[in-house]
Protein backbone atom coordinates (compact mmCIF):
# COMPACT_ATOMS: atom_id res chain seq x y z
CA UNK A 1 0.00 0.00 0.00
CA UNK A 2 1.33 3.43 -0.93
CA UNK A 3 1.95 6.24 1.52
CA UNK A 4 -0.99 8.08 -0.02
CA UNK A 5 -3.30 5.16 0.79
CA UNK A 6 -2.22 5.14 4.38
CA UNK A 7 -3.03 8.83 4.69
CA UNK A 8 -6.63 8.34 3.54
CA UNK A 9 -8.72 8.18 6.72
CA UNK A 10 -12.18 9.06 7.91
CA UNK A 11 -11.77 11.87 10.41
CA UNK A 12 -8.87 12.24 12.76
CA UNK A 13 -9.60 9.35 15.12
CA UNK A 14 -6.53 7.23 15.46
CA UNK A 15 -4.77 8.96 12.57
CA UNK A 16 -1.14 7.96 12.35
CA UNK A 17 -1.24 5.25 15.01
CA UNK A 18 1.17 2.43 14.39
CA UNK A 19 0.05 -0.68 16.24
CA UNK A 20 2.29 -1.93 19.06
CA UNK A 21 2.71 -5.31 17.35
CA UNK A 22 4.50 -3.66 14.41
CA UNK A 23 7.86 -4.57 15.93
CA UNK A 24 7.05 -8.25 15.33
CA UNK A 25 8.11 -7.81 11.70
CA UNK A 26 11.67 -7.41 12.91
CA UNK A 27 11.73 -10.98 14.22
CA UNK A 28 11.27 -12.47 10.76
CA UNK A 29 8.35 -14.66 11.87
CA UNK A 30 5.63 -15.02 9.25
CA UNK A 31 2.19 -13.95 10.48
CA UNK A 32 -0.89 -16.19 10.36
CA UNK A 33 -3.99 -14.55 8.93
CA UNK A 34 -7.67 -15.50 9.20
CA UNK A 35 -11.05 -14.20 8.10
CA UNK A 36 -14.53 -14.66 9.59
CA UNK A 37 -17.39 -14.33 7.08
CA UNK A 38 -21.15 -14.06 7.65
CA UNK A 39 -22.19 -15.87 4.46
CA UNK A 40 -21.11 -18.66 2.17
CA UNK A 41 -17.99 -18.56 0.03
CA UNK A 42 -19.78 -19.42 -3.21
CA UNK A 43 -22.27 -16.54 -3.24
CA UNK A 44 -20.57 -14.80 -6.19
CA UNK A 45 -20.74 -11.69 -4.07
CA UNK A 46 -19.32 -10.25 -0.85
CA UNK A 47 -18.43 -13.46 0.96
CA UNK A 48 -16.85 -15.12 -2.06
CA UNK A 49 -14.73 -11.99 -2.48
CA UNK A 50 -13.56 -12.31 1.13
CA UNK A 51 -12.63 -15.95 0.61
CA UNK A 52 -10.78 -15.10 -2.59
CA UNK A 53 -9.02 -12.32 -0.69
CA UNK A 54 -7.65 -14.66 1.96
CA UNK A 55 -6.56 -17.15 -0.71
CA UNK A 56 -4.87 -14.32 -2.62
CA UNK A 57 -2.92 -13.47 0.54
CA UNK A 58 -1.89 -17.11 0.83
CA UNK A 59 -0.77 -17.23 -2.79
CA UNK A 60 0.97 -13.86 -3.08
CA UNK A 61 2.59 -13.64 0.36
CA UNK A 62 3.07 -17.32 1.17
CA UNK A 63 1.38 -16.98 4.55
CA UNK A 64 -0.66 -19.44 6.60
CA UNK A 65 -4.35 -18.56 6.32
CA UNK A 66 -7.69 -19.85 7.60
CA UNK A 67 -11.34 -18.93 7.18
CA UNK A 68 -14.76 -19.44 8.71
CA UNK A 69 -17.94 -19.02 6.66
CA UNK A 70 -21.64 -18.68 7.49
CA UNK A 71 -20.95 -17.31 10.97
CA UNK A 72 -24.15 -15.81 12.39
CA UNK A 73 -23.92 -12.39 14.02
CA UNK A 74 -24.37 -13.66 17.60
CA UNK A 75 -21.36 -15.96 17.09
CA UNK A 76 -19.03 -13.51 15.37
CA UNK A 77 -17.26 -12.19 18.48
CA UNK A 78 -16.39 -15.71 19.63
CA UNK A 79 -15.14 -16.64 16.15
CA UNK A 80 -12.79 -13.64 16.14
CA UNK A 81 -11.60 -14.45 19.66
CA UNK A 82 -11.01 -18.09 18.78
CA UNK A 83 -8.57 -17.18 16.03
CA UNK A 84 -6.74 -14.83 18.40
CA UNK A 85 -6.45 -17.60 21.03
CA UNK A 86 -5.10 -19.97 18.36
CA UNK A 87 -2.23 -17.63 17.58
CA UNK A 88 -3.46 -15.92 14.42
CA UNK A 89 -1.85 -12.50 14.22
CA UNK A 90 -4.21 -10.71 11.82
CA UNK A 91 -7.94 -11.43 11.79
CA UNK A 92 -10.45 -9.92 9.36
CA UNK A 93 -14.12 -9.51 10.24
CA UNK A 94 -15.82 -9.52 6.86
CA UNK A 95 -18.58 -6.93 7.01
CA UNK A 96 -19.83 -3.84 8.77
CA UNK A 97 -21.78 -6.01 11.21
CA UNK A 98 -18.42 -6.98 12.78
CA UNK A 99 -17.68 -3.47 14.02
CA UNK A 100 -19.02 -3.83 17.54
CA UNK A 101 -17.68 -7.34 18.10
CA UNK A 102 -14.25 -6.51 16.64
CA UNK A 103 -13.93 -3.40 18.82
CA UNK A 104 -14.78 -5.45 21.90
CA UNK A 105 -12.54 -8.41 21.11
CA UNK A 106 -9.61 -6.20 20.08
CA UNK A 107 -9.44 -4.89 23.67
CA UNK A 108 -9.20 -8.46 25.00
CA UNK A 109 -6.41 -9.45 22.59
CA UNK A 110 -4.10 -6.43 22.26
CA UNK A 111 -1.37 -8.45 20.50
CA UNK A 112 -3.69 -9.45 17.64
CA UNK A 113 -4.49 -7.04 14.84
CA UNK A 114 -8.15 -6.95 13.80
CA UNK A 115 -9.49 -5.45 10.57
CA UNK A 116 -13.15 -4.86 9.72
CA UNK A 117 -13.94 -5.02 6.01
CA UNK A 118 -16.59 -2.44 5.19
CA UNK A 119 -16.06 -0.81 8.57
CA UNK A 120 -15.51 2.63 10.04
CA UNK A 121 -13.87 1.76 13.37
CA UNK A 122 -10.27 1.83 14.52
CA UNK A 123 -8.13 1.64 17.64
CA UNK A 124 -4.62 0.64 18.76
CA UNK A 125 -4.96 -2.83 17.18
CA UNK A 126 -8.10 -2.28 15.09
CA UNK A 127 -8.32 -0.98 11.52
CA UNK A 128 -10.99 -0.88 8.83
CA UNK A 129 -11.23 -1.01 5.06
CA UNK A 130 -14.12 0.83 3.45
CA UNK A 131 -15.21 2.42 0.21
CA UNK A 132 -16.68 5.70 -0.97
CA UNK A 133 -20.11 4.18 -1.44
CA UNK A 134 -21.81 7.51 -2.00
CA UNK A 135 -19.61 7.97 -5.07
CA UNK A 136 -20.54 4.54 -6.42
CA UNK A 137 -24.20 5.35 -5.84
CA UNK A 138 -23.89 8.68 -7.64
CA UNK A 139 -22.17 7.22 -10.67
CA UNK A 140 -24.63 4.36 -11.08
CA UNK A 141 -27.55 6.69 -10.33
CA UNK A 142 -26.44 8.87 -13.22
CA UNK A 143 -26.22 5.87 -15.54
CA UNK A 144 -29.67 4.72 -14.40
CA UNK A 145 -31.13 8.14 -15.09
CA UNK A 146 -29.59 8.29 -18.55
CA UNK A 147 -30.73 4.81 -19.57
CA UNK A 148 -34.22 4.49 -18.04
CA UNK A 149 -37.18 4.66 -20.37
CA UNK A 150 -39.80 4.85 -17.61
CA UNK A 151 -38.21 7.51 -15.43
CA UNK A 152 -38.10 5.03 -12.54
CA UNK A 153 -35.18 3.12 -11.05
CA UNK A 154 -34.84 0.75 -8.12
CA UNK A 155 -32.32 0.14 -5.36
CA UNK A 156 -32.52 -2.94 -3.12
CA UNK A 157 -30.60 -3.34 0.13
CA UNK A 158 -30.58 -5.77 3.03
CA UNK A 159 -30.19 -3.48 6.04
CA UNK A 160 -29.98 0.24 6.61
CA UNK A 161 -26.31 0.33 7.50
CA UNK A 162 -23.86 3.04 6.52
CA UNK A 163 -22.84 1.27 3.32
CA UNK A 164 -26.38 1.00 1.95
CA UNK A 165 -27.61 4.40 3.12
CA UNK A 166 -24.62 6.07 1.44
CA UNK A 167 -25.29 4.17 -1.78
CA UNK A 168 -28.96 5.14 -1.56
CA UNK A 169 -28.19 8.83 -0.99
CA UNK A 170 -25.76 9.05 -3.91
CA UNK A 171 -28.04 7.05 -6.22
CA UNK A 172 -31.10 9.17 -5.48
CA UNK A 173 -29.28 12.48 -5.74
CA UNK A 174 -27.69 11.71 -9.10
CA UNK A 175 -30.93 10.29 -10.52
CA UNK A 176 -32.89 13.37 -9.44
CA UNK A 177 -30.46 15.72 -11.19
CA UNK A 178 -31.39 14.13 -14.51
CA UNK A 179 -35.03 13.26 -13.70
CA UNK A 180 -36.33 15.80 -11.15
CA UNK A 181 -39.82 14.36 -11.51
CA UNK A 182 -38.63 10.75 -11.72
CA UNK A 183 -38.64 8.21 -8.91
CA UNK A 184 -36.16 5.92 -7.20
CA UNK A 185 -37.86 2.99 -5.48
CA UNK A 186 -35.99 1.72 -2.41
CA UNK A 187 -36.56 -1.63 -0.71
CA UNK A 188 -34.81 -3.19 2.29
CA UNK A 189 -35.34 -6.94 2.65
CA UNK A 190 -33.68 -7.45 6.06
CA UNK A 191 -31.84 -10.43 4.60
CA UNK A 192 -28.45 -10.47 2.86
CA UNK A 193 -28.56 -13.98 1.45
CA UNK A 194 -32.14 -15.09 0.72
CA UNK A 195 -32.30 -15.36 -3.07
CA UNK A 196 -36.10 -15.60 -3.05
CA UNK A 197 -36.42 -12.34 -1.11
CA UNK A 198 -34.03 -10.61 -3.49
CA UNK A 199 -36.08 -11.81 -6.45
CA UNK A 200 -39.39 -10.84 -4.86
CA UNK A 201 -38.13 -7.32 -4.09
CA UNK A 202 -36.96 -6.82 -7.68
CA UNK A 203 -40.23 -8.14 -9.13
CA UNK A 204 -42.15 -5.69 -6.94
CA UNK A 205 -40.09 -2.72 -8.11
CA UNK A 206 -40.35 -3.77 -11.75
CA UNK A 207 -44.12 -4.07 -11.37
CA UNK A 208 -44.13 -0.43 -10.21
CA UNK A 209 -42.30 0.65 -13.35
CA UNK A 210 -38.61 0.47 -12.47
CA UNK A 211 -36.58 -0.58 -15.48
CA UNK A 212 -33.09 -0.25 -13.92
CA UNK A 213 -32.38 -2.14 -10.68
CA UNK A 214 -29.40 -1.84 -8.31
CA UNK A 215 -29.28 -4.74 -5.78
CA UNK A 216 -26.65 -4.26 -3.05
CA UNK A 217 -26.94 -7.42 -0.94
CA UNK A 218 -24.81 -10.57 -0.83
CA UNK A 219 -26.16 -13.87 -2.15
CA UNK A 220 -29.63 -12.31 -2.50
CA UNK A 221 -28.31 -10.20 -5.39
CA UNK A 222 -28.64 -13.33 -7.53
CA UNK A 223 -32.41 -13.31 -7.05
CA UNK A 224 -32.71 -9.65 -8.03
CA UNK A 225 -30.65 -10.21 -11.17
CA UNK A 226 -32.76 -13.25 -12.05
CA UNK A 227 -35.88 -11.11 -11.82
CA UNK A 228 -34.31 -8.38 -13.97
CA UNK A 229 -33.32 -10.93 -16.59
CA UNK A 230 -36.77 -12.55 -16.66
CA UNK A 231 -38.50 -9.18 -17.05
CA UNK A 232 -35.87 -7.92 -19.52
CA UNK A 233 -34.90 -4.81 -17.55
CA UNK A 234 -31.41 -3.51 -16.81
CA UNK A 235 -29.48 -3.99 -13.59
CA UNK A 236 -26.20 -3.15 -11.91
CA UNK A 237 -23.75 -5.63 -10.43
CA UNK A 238 -21.79 -5.21 -7.24
CA UNK A 239 -18.45 -6.49 -5.88
CA UNK A 240 -17.24 -7.87 -9.22
CA UNK A 241 -17.69 -7.30 -12.98
CA UNK A 242 -21.07 -9.05 -13.10
CA UNK A 243 -21.66 -8.59 -16.83
CA UNK A 244 -19.66 -11.76 -17.43
CA UNK A 245 -22.39 -13.80 -15.71
CA UNK A 246 -25.34 -11.60 -16.73
CA UNK A 247 -24.42 -10.31 -20.22
CA UNK A 248 -27.97 -9.43 -21.26
CA UNK A 249 -28.93 -7.79 -17.96
CA UNK A 250 -26.05 -5.97 -16.25
CA UNK A 251 -25.08 -2.60 -17.74
CA UNK A 252 -22.33 -1.69 -15.26
CA UNK A 253 -20.92 -2.85 -11.91
CA UNK A 254 -19.68 -1.22 -8.73
CA UNK A 255 -16.48 -3.19 -8.18
CA UNK A 256 -15.47 -2.89 -4.56
CA UNK A 257 -12.55 -5.30 -4.77
CA UNK A 258 -11.99 -6.18 -1.16
CA UNK A 259 -9.52 -8.83 -2.30
CA UNK A 260 -6.97 -6.24 -3.40
CA UNK A 261 -7.60 -4.19 -0.28
CA UNK A 262 -7.04 -7.21 1.96
CA UNK A 263 -3.80 -8.02 0.17
CA UNK A 264 -2.56 -4.47 0.74
CA UNK A 265 -3.42 -4.67 4.43
CA UNK A 266 -1.75 -8.07 4.84
CA UNK A 267 1.37 -6.94 3.01
CA UNK A 268 1.69 -3.87 5.23
CA UNK A 269 1.07 -5.96 8.34
CA UNK A 270 3.74 -8.48 7.38
CA UNK A 271 6.14 -5.60 6.81
CA UNK A 272 5.34 -3.96 10.13
CA UNK A 273 3.99 -0.78 8.53
CA UNK A 274 0.22 -1.20 8.85
CA UNK A 275 -1.46 1.74 10.56
CA UNK A 276 -4.64 1.28 12.55
CA UNK A 277 -6.72 3.75 10.62
CA UNK A 278 -9.81 3.61 8.43
CA UNK A 279 -8.55 3.02 4.88
CA UNK A 280 -10.97 4.52 2.35
CA UNK A 281 -11.03 3.73 -1.39
CA UNK A 282 -12.94 5.60 -4.08
CA UNK A 283 -13.26 4.93 -7.81
CA UNK A 284 -9.72 4.97 -9.14
CA UNK A 285 -8.28 6.37 -5.92
CA UNK A 286 -5.91 5.93 -4.34
CA UNK A 287 -5.44 2.41 -5.76
CA UNK A 288 -7.39 1.73 -8.97
CA UNK A 289 -7.33 -2.03 -8.32
CA UNK A 290 -9.47 -1.74 -5.20
CA UNK A 291 -12.40 0.49 -6.24
CA UNK A 292 -13.43 0.77 -9.87
CA UNK A 293 -16.22 0.44 -12.38
CA UNK A 294 -16.74 -2.66 -14.46
CA UNK A 295 -17.68 -3.23 -18.09
CA UNK A 296 -20.46 -1.26 -19.75
CA UNK A 297 -23.39 -3.02 -21.36
CA UNK A 298 -23.90 -2.32 -25.07
CA UNK A 299 -26.97 -0.14 -24.49
CA UNK A 300 -25.00 2.45 -22.51
CA UNK A 301 -24.15 5.12 -25.05
CA UNK A 302 -20.78 6.70 -25.67
CA UNK A 303 -22.16 10.02 -24.43
CA UNK A 304 -23.18 8.50 -21.10
CA UNK A 305 -19.79 6.85 -20.73
CA UNK A 306 -18.11 10.20 -21.33
CA UNK A 307 -20.33 11.85 -18.74
CA UNK A 308 -19.34 9.19 -16.20
CA UNK A 309 -15.67 9.80 -16.91
CA UNK A 310 -16.21 13.50 -16.25
CA UNK A 311 -18.08 12.79 -13.00
CA UNK A 312 -15.28 10.56 -11.72
CA UNK A 313 -12.59 13.03 -12.76
CA UNK A 314 -14.34 15.80 -10.82
CA UNK A 315 -14.59 13.74 -7.63
CA UNK A 316 -12.20 14.70 -4.79
CA UNK A 317 -9.00 12.71 -4.93
CA UNK A 318 -8.68 12.40 -1.17
């Protein structure tokens, strides 16, 4: 991770803190790294990205890694603590729902570094990786507004957490600039993984006239994309370049590549330079591998693509 990346933080809390375990790098011992995930590793979404991230660390850095999948929220604190007791040096909690448990467990195990993916917390041995979700929402909201034929778009989330509310705010604001009298339909299913609920929510929005859908869940995204494909409306992917699996449905994707972010964190940890801050990535900044757009669908015009380039170029670089 570059020095610029390490300077990107949310607020001043904990800025510049180097964790007390940083001196361990001088011993030459290789750290052991683990990740605890709330869903399954084959969801083609958030949890699969976390699994691929830990395997990328294993491959690129030659480190011992481990993972736990489908860990329910009441059990997440114990899962984090178990890895710390077993001698793992760096433990990722994969999702914003780990913030409270990671903050609590980090105090009990001061010699273990904890990192929350999609988090906004930090402390002496606690860091977070997050993304400029409002920017992603704004960019895709603009594309939705420029491609809709009905003047209505949809956004589907699981829970009203900071990630989804920031996406929602950016999406609505950008859409309204193009379609002041248009409408963005918003649905929260209260379930990240239920494919049937994701599909039902998308069908309901499509029935109300939405012809561009942005699902932001985990495994449940599959259901929303299935509904969009069946009803022949457009949709956005998330976490990876989803057009490869949904070529006739997805018109662009918000690629929040947690895999590259995790590799950066692990590399810095192994080198003794990781800082316990909140590391924030926006589209193309500060590391274009980590936060970026995917491939455009053929029905997104060259003019719209140019407008998106201009929007991204005008976004603050830090």
